[in-house]
Amino acid sequence: MDDQRLQTELTRVVSSIPDKESAARRIARVIATRFGYRWVGIYEVGKDEIFVLGWDGPRAPAHPRFPRTKGLCGKAVLSRAAVRVDDVTKDPDYLTTHESTRAELVVPVLTTGMEVVGVIDVESDQVGAFGEQDVGALQACAGALRRLWTG
């Protein structure tokens, strides 16, 4: 599936499934399947907290809710930019989701006004699993997901 078809599919999911949590679960599955990611989480960013809307992978996240300023997701929210960590065991900000996770990539979902409304979080059991191509692909996905929050 090429990137344009993926964006079209994600846009279709967002517009056809009115329930945000159901749409987030479907989106996580589409992204996991498309890229072969072991675990994908779609999180909403609230005023004080970040919380999981939907995920695809072997288990639910260990931290389904956490303060907006914590973890790698919090770093992505504060910076409004992708956060890629090649080895999470060496990053003090990492909140353990799964004990076998070694690499994580978090991409913010931004409104046109640059407000962070969500994040896409992908994890791997391989050190250095994510590259610039993953960042770009997930940023394109984030653009399609924006409508999950903005309608």
C-alpha atoms as a PDB file:
ATOM      1  CA  MET A   1       0.000   0.000   0.000  1.00  0.00           C
ATOM      2  CA  ASP A   2       1.534   3.333  -0.979  1.00  0.00           C
ATOM      3  CA  ASP A   3       1.472   6.399   1.268  1.00  0.00           C
ATOM      4  CA  GLN A   4      -1.400   8.091  -0.578  1.00  0.00           C
ATOM      5  CA  ARG A   5      -3.581   4.978  -0.296  1.00  0.00           C
ATOM      6  CA  LEU A   6      -2.705   4.711   3.390  1.00  0.00           C
ATOM      7  CA  GLN A   7      -3.678   8.339   4.023  1.00  0.00           C
ATOM      8  CA  THR A   8      -6.917   7.791   2.100  1.00  0.00           C
ATOM      9  CA  GLU A   9      -7.692   4.698   4.189  1.00  0.00           C
ATOM     10  CA  LEU A  10      -6.971   6.518   7.461  1.00  0.00           C
ATOM     11  CA  THR A  11      -9.112   9.470   6.390  1.00  0.00           C
ATOM     12  CA  ARG A  12     -11.925   7.051   5.528  1.00  0.00           C
ATOM     13  CA  VAL A  13     -11.672   5.385   8.956  1.00  0.00           C
ATOM     14  CA  VAL A  14     -11.779   8.761  10.717  1.00  0.00           C
ATOM     15  CA  SER A  15     -14.816   9.929   8.764  1.00  0.00           C
ATOM     16  CA  SER A  16     -16.745   6.637   8.789  1.00  0.00           C
ATOM     17  CA  ILE A  17     -16.414   5.567  12.434  1.00  0.00           C
ATOM     18  CA  PRO A  18     -18.065   8.188  14.659  1.00  0.00           C
ATOM     19  CA  ASP A  19     -16.822   6.691  17.935  1.00  0.00           C
ATOM     20  CA  LYS A  20     -13.310   8.081  18.585  1.00  0.00           C
ATOM     21  CA  GLU A  21     -12.076   5.026  20.506  1.00  0.00           C
ATOM     22  CA  SER A  22     -13.260   2.574  17.830  1.00  0.00           C
ATOM     23  CA  ALA A  23     -11.684   4.704  15.119  1.00  0.00           C
ATOM     24  CA  ALA A  24      -8.408   4.879  17.097  1.00  0.00           C
ATOM     25  CA  ARG A  25      -8.305   1.081  17.505  1.00  0.00           C
ATOM     26  CA  ARG A  26      -8.858   0.622  13.755  1.00  0.00           C
ATOM     27  CA  ILE A  27      -6.232   3.244  12.909  1.00  0.00           C
ATOM     28  CA  ALA A  28      -3.688   1.571  15.198  1.00  0.00           C
ATOM     29  CA  ARG A  29      -4.334  -1.760  13.466  1.00  0.00           C
ATOM     30  CA  VAL A  30      -3.993  -0.217   9.992  1.00  0.00           C
ATOM     31  CA  ILE A  31      -0.674   1.439  10.904  1.00  0.00           C
ATOM     32  CA  ALA A  32       0.668  -1.712  12.610  1.00  0.00           C
ATOM     33  CA  THR A  33      -0.270  -3.865   9.628  1.00  0.00           C
ATOM     34  CA  ARG A  34       1.034  -1.418   7.022  1.00  0.00           C
ATOM     35  CA  PHE A  35       4.457  -1.001   8.617  1.00  0.00           C
ATOM     36  CA  GLY A  36       4.810  -4.283  10.504  1.00  0.00           C
ATOM     37  CA  TYR A  37       5.062  -2.533  13.876  1.00  0.00           C
ATOM     38  CA  ARG A  38       4.819  -4.720  16.958  1.00  0.00           C
ATOM     39  CA  TRP A  39       2.831  -2.170  18.981  1.00  0.00           C
ATOM     40  CA  VAL A  40       0.986   1.019  18.010  1.00  0.00           C
ATOM     41  CA  GLY A  41      -0.907   3.334  20.340  1.00  0.00           C
ATOM     42  CA  ILE A  42      -3.109   6.295  19.510  1.00  0.00           C
ATOM     43  CA  TYR A  43      -3.278   8.693  22.445  1.00  0.00           C
ATOM     44  CA  GLU A  44      -5.356  11.776  23.110  1.00  0.00           C
ATOM     45  CA  VAL A  45      -3.681  14.781  24.688  1.00  0.00           C
ATOM     46  CA  GLY A  46      -5.873  16.485  27.234  1.00  0.00           C
ATOM     47  CA  LYS A  47      -5.301  19.608  29.299  1.00  0.00           C
ATOM     48  CA  ASP A  48      -3.487  17.708  32.069  1.00  0.00           C
ATOM     49  CA  GLU A  49      -3.148  14.111  30.847  1.00  0.00           C
ATOM     50  CA  ILE A  50      -2.274  11.927  27.910  1.00  0.00           C
ATOM     51  CA  PHE A  51      -4.477   8.850  27.627  1.00  0.00           C
ATOM     52  CA  VAL A  52      -4.748   5.927  25.255  1.00  0.00           C
ATOM     53  CA  LEU A  53      -7.714   5.872  22.878  1.00  0.00           C
ATOM     54  CA  GLY A  54      -6.790   2.712  21.004  1.00  0.00           C
ATOM     55  CA  TRP A  55      -3.883   0.375  20.473  1.00  0.00           C
ATOM     56  CA  ASP A  56      -2.799  -2.661  18.496  1.00  0.00           C
ATOM     57  CA  GLY A  57      -0.288  -5.150  19.805  1.00  0.00           C
ATOM     58  CA  PRO A  58       0.194  -7.966  22.265  1.00  0.00           C
ATOM     59  CA  ARG A  59      -1.009  -6.094  25.379  1.00  0.00           C
ATOM     60  CA  ALA A  60      -2.582  -2.898  26.599  1.00  0.00           C
ATOM     61  CA  PRO A  61      -0.103  -0.209  27.653  1.00  0.00           C
ATOM     62  CA  ALA A  62       1.119  -0.341  31.260  1.00  0.00           C
ATOM     63  CA  HIS A  63       0.388   3.389  31.553  1.00  0.00           C
ATOM     64  CA  PRO A  64      -2.971   4.073  29.871  1.00  0.00           C
ATOM     65  CA  ARG A  65      -3.044   7.554  31.494  1.00  0.00           C
ATOM     66  CA  PHE A  66      -0.189   9.755  32.603  1.00  0.00           C
ATOM     67  CA  PRO A  67       0.610  13.449  33.110  1.00  0.00           C
ATOM     68  CA  ARG A  68       0.925  15.495  29.937  1.00  0.00           C
ATOM     69  CA  THR A  69       4.557  16.316  30.737  1.00  0.00           C
ATOM     70  CA  LYS A  70       5.769  12.742  31.344  1.00  0.00           C
ATOM     71  CA  GLY A  71       7.341  10.116  29.158  1.00  0.00           C
ATOM     72  CA  LEU A  72       8.394  10.263  25.544  1.00  0.00           C
ATOM     73  CA  CYS A  73       4.828  11.188  24.613  1.00  0.00           C
ATOM     74  CA  GLY A  74       5.134  14.198  26.920  1.00  0.00           C
ATOM     75  CA  LYS A  75       8.386  15.170  25.175  1.00  0.00           C
ATOM     76  CA  ALA A  76       6.621  15.051  21.802  1.00  0.00           C
ATOM     77  CA  VAL A  77       3.773  17.176  23.153  1.00  0.00           C
ATOM     78  CA  LEU A  78       6.116  19.793  24.625  1.00  0.00           C
ATOM     79  CA  SER A  79       8.324  19.985  21.520  1.00  0.00           C
ATOM     80  CA  ARG A  80       5.492  19.585  18.971  1.00  0.00           C
ATOM     81  CA  ALA A  81       7.932  17.339  17.111  1.00  0.00           C
ATOM     82  CA  ALA A  82       8.644  13.656  16.638  1.00  0.00           C
ATOM     83  CA  VAL A  83      10.657  11.951  19.377  1.00  0.00           C
ATOM     84  CA  ARG A  84      12.698   8.924  18.351  1.00  0.00           C
ATOM     85  CA  VAL A  85      14.668   6.927  20.906  1.00  0.00           C
ATOM     86  CA  ASP A  86      16.883   4.152  19.602  1.00  0.00           C
ATOM     87  CA  ASP A  87      17.367   2.520  23.019  1.00  0.00           C
ATOM     88  CA  VAL A  88      14.731   3.319  25.637  1.00  0.00           C
ATOM     89  CA  THR A  89      16.798   1.675  28.384  1.00  0.00           C
ATOM     90  CA  LYS A  90      19.132   4.673  28.130  1.00  0.00           C
ATOM     91  CA  ASP A  91      16.440   7.367  28.273  1.00  0.00           C
ATOM     92  CA  PRO A  92      15.309   8.437  31.748  1.00  0.00           C
ATOM     93  CA  ASP A  93      12.044   9.843  30.351  1.00  0.00           C
ATOM     94  CA  TYR A  94      10.849   6.485  29.034  1.00  0.00           C
ATOM     95  CA  LEU A  95       7.711   5.161  30.738  1.00  0.00           C
ATOM     96  CA  THR A  96       7.742   1.386  30.415  1.00  0.00           C
ATOM     97  CA  THR A  97       4.840   0.230  28.295  1.00  0.00           C
ATOM     98  CA  HIS A  98       6.166  -3.262  27.679  1.00  0.00           C
ATOM     99  CA  GLU A  99       9.278  -4.707  29.299  1.00  0.00           C
ATOM    100  CA  SER A 100      10.549  -5.973  25.947  1.00  0.00           C
ATOM    101  CA  THR A 101      10.447  -2.528  24.260  1.00  0.00           C
ATOM    102  CA  ARG A 102      13.837  -1.267  23.132  1.00  0.00           C
ATOM    103  CA  ALA A 103      13.006   1.502  20.632  1.00  0.00           C
ATOM    104  CA  GLU A 104      10.144   3.986  20.518  1.00  0.00           C
ATOM    105  CA  LEU A 105       8.922   6.646  18.103  1.00  0.00           C
ATOM    106  CA  VAL A 106       6.258   9.201  19.059  1.00  0.00           C
ATOM    107  CA  VAL A 107       4.750  11.579  16.493  1.00  0.00           C
ATOM    108  CA  PRO A 108       2.401  14.382  17.551  1.00  0.00           C
ATOM    109  CA  VAL A 109      -0.932  15.016  15.859  1.00  0.00           C
ATOM    110  CA  LEU A 110      -1.222  18.774  15.395  1.00  0.00           C
ATOM    111  CA  THR A 111      -4.156  21.013  14.521  1.00  0.00           C
ATOM    112  CA  THR A 112      -3.638  23.629  11.836  1.00  0.00           C
ATOM    113  CA  GLY A 113      -3.056  26.041  14.736  1.00  0.00           C
ATOM    114  CA  MET A 114      -0.155  23.836  15.977  1.00  0.00           C
ATOM    115  CA  GLU A 115      -2.031  22.579  19.059  1.00  0.00           C
ATOM    116  CA  VAL A 116      -1.092  18.993  19.964  1.00  0.00           C
ATOM    117  CA  VAL A 117      -4.313  16.975  20.233  1.00  0.00           C
ATOM    118  CA  GLY A 118      -2.923  13.454  20.009  1.00  0.00           C
ATOM    119  CA  VAL A 119       0.132  11.303  19.452  1.00  0.00           C
ATOM    120  CA  ILE A 120       0.966   8.162  17.525  1.00  0.00           C
ATOM    121  CA  ASP A 121       3.282   5.957  19.584  1.00  0.00           C
ATOM    122  CA  VAL A 122       5.063   2.967  18.031  1.00  0.00           C
ATOM    123  CA  GLU A 123       7.347   0.555  19.844  1.00  0.00           C
ATOM    124  CA  SER A 124       9.762  -2.188  18.831  1.00  0.00           C
ATOM    125  CA  ASP A 125      11.705  -4.885  20.621  1.00  0.00           C
ATOM    126  CA  GLN A 126      14.739  -4.034  18.436  1.00  0.00           C
ATOM    127  CA  VAL A 127      17.258  -1.296  19.319  1.00  0.00           C
ATOM    128  CA  GLY A 128      17.403   1.349  16.578  1.00  0.00           C
ATOM    129  CA  ALA A 129      14.290   0.035  14.861  1.00  0.00           C
ATOM    130  CA  PHE A 130      12.997   3.367  13.538  1.00  0.00           C
ATOM    131  CA  GLY A 131      14.526   5.643  10.925  1.00  0.00           C
ATOM    132  CA  GLU A 132      13.700   8.885   9.169  1.00  0.00           C
ATOM    133  CA  GLN A 133      11.411   7.007   6.778  1.00  0.00           C
ATOM    134  CA  ASP A 134       9.294   5.898   9.769  1.00  0.00           C
ATOM    135  CA  VAL A 135       9.183   9.470  11.069  1.00  0.00           C
ATOM    136  CA  GLY A 136       7.994  10.788   7.706  1.00  0.00           C
ATOM    137  CA  ALA A 137       5.414   8.055   7.249  1.00  0.00           C
ATOM    138  CA  LEU A 138       3.954   8.572  10.725  1.00  0.00           C
ATOM    139  CA  GLN A 139       3.890  12.348  10.234  1.00  0.00           C
ATOM    140  CA  ALA A 140       1.793  11.751   7.113  1.00  0.00           C
ATOM    141  CA  CYS A 141      -0.479   9.471   9.153  1.00  0.00           C
ATOM    142  CA  ALA A 142      -0.762  12.163  11.838  1.00  0.00           C
ATOM    143  CA  GLY A 143      -1.999  14.610   9.206  1.00  0.00           C
ATOM    144  CA  ALA A 144      -4.792  12.209   8.283  1.00  0.00           C
ATOM    145  CA  LEU A 145      -5.628  11.617  11.957  1.00  0.00           C
ATOM    146  CA  ARG A 146      -6.073  15.324  12.730  1.00  0.00           C
ATOM    147  CA  ARG A 147      -9.744  15.045  11.782  1.00  0.00           C
ATOM    148  CA  LEU A 148     -10.268  12.544  14.608  1.00  0.00           C
ATOM    149  CA  TRP A 149     -10.126  15.565  16.928  1.00  0.00           C
ATOM    150  CA  THR A 150     -11.072  18.478  14.710  1.00  0.00           C
ATOM    151  CA  GLY A 151     -13.921  16.909  12.710  1.00  0.00           C
END
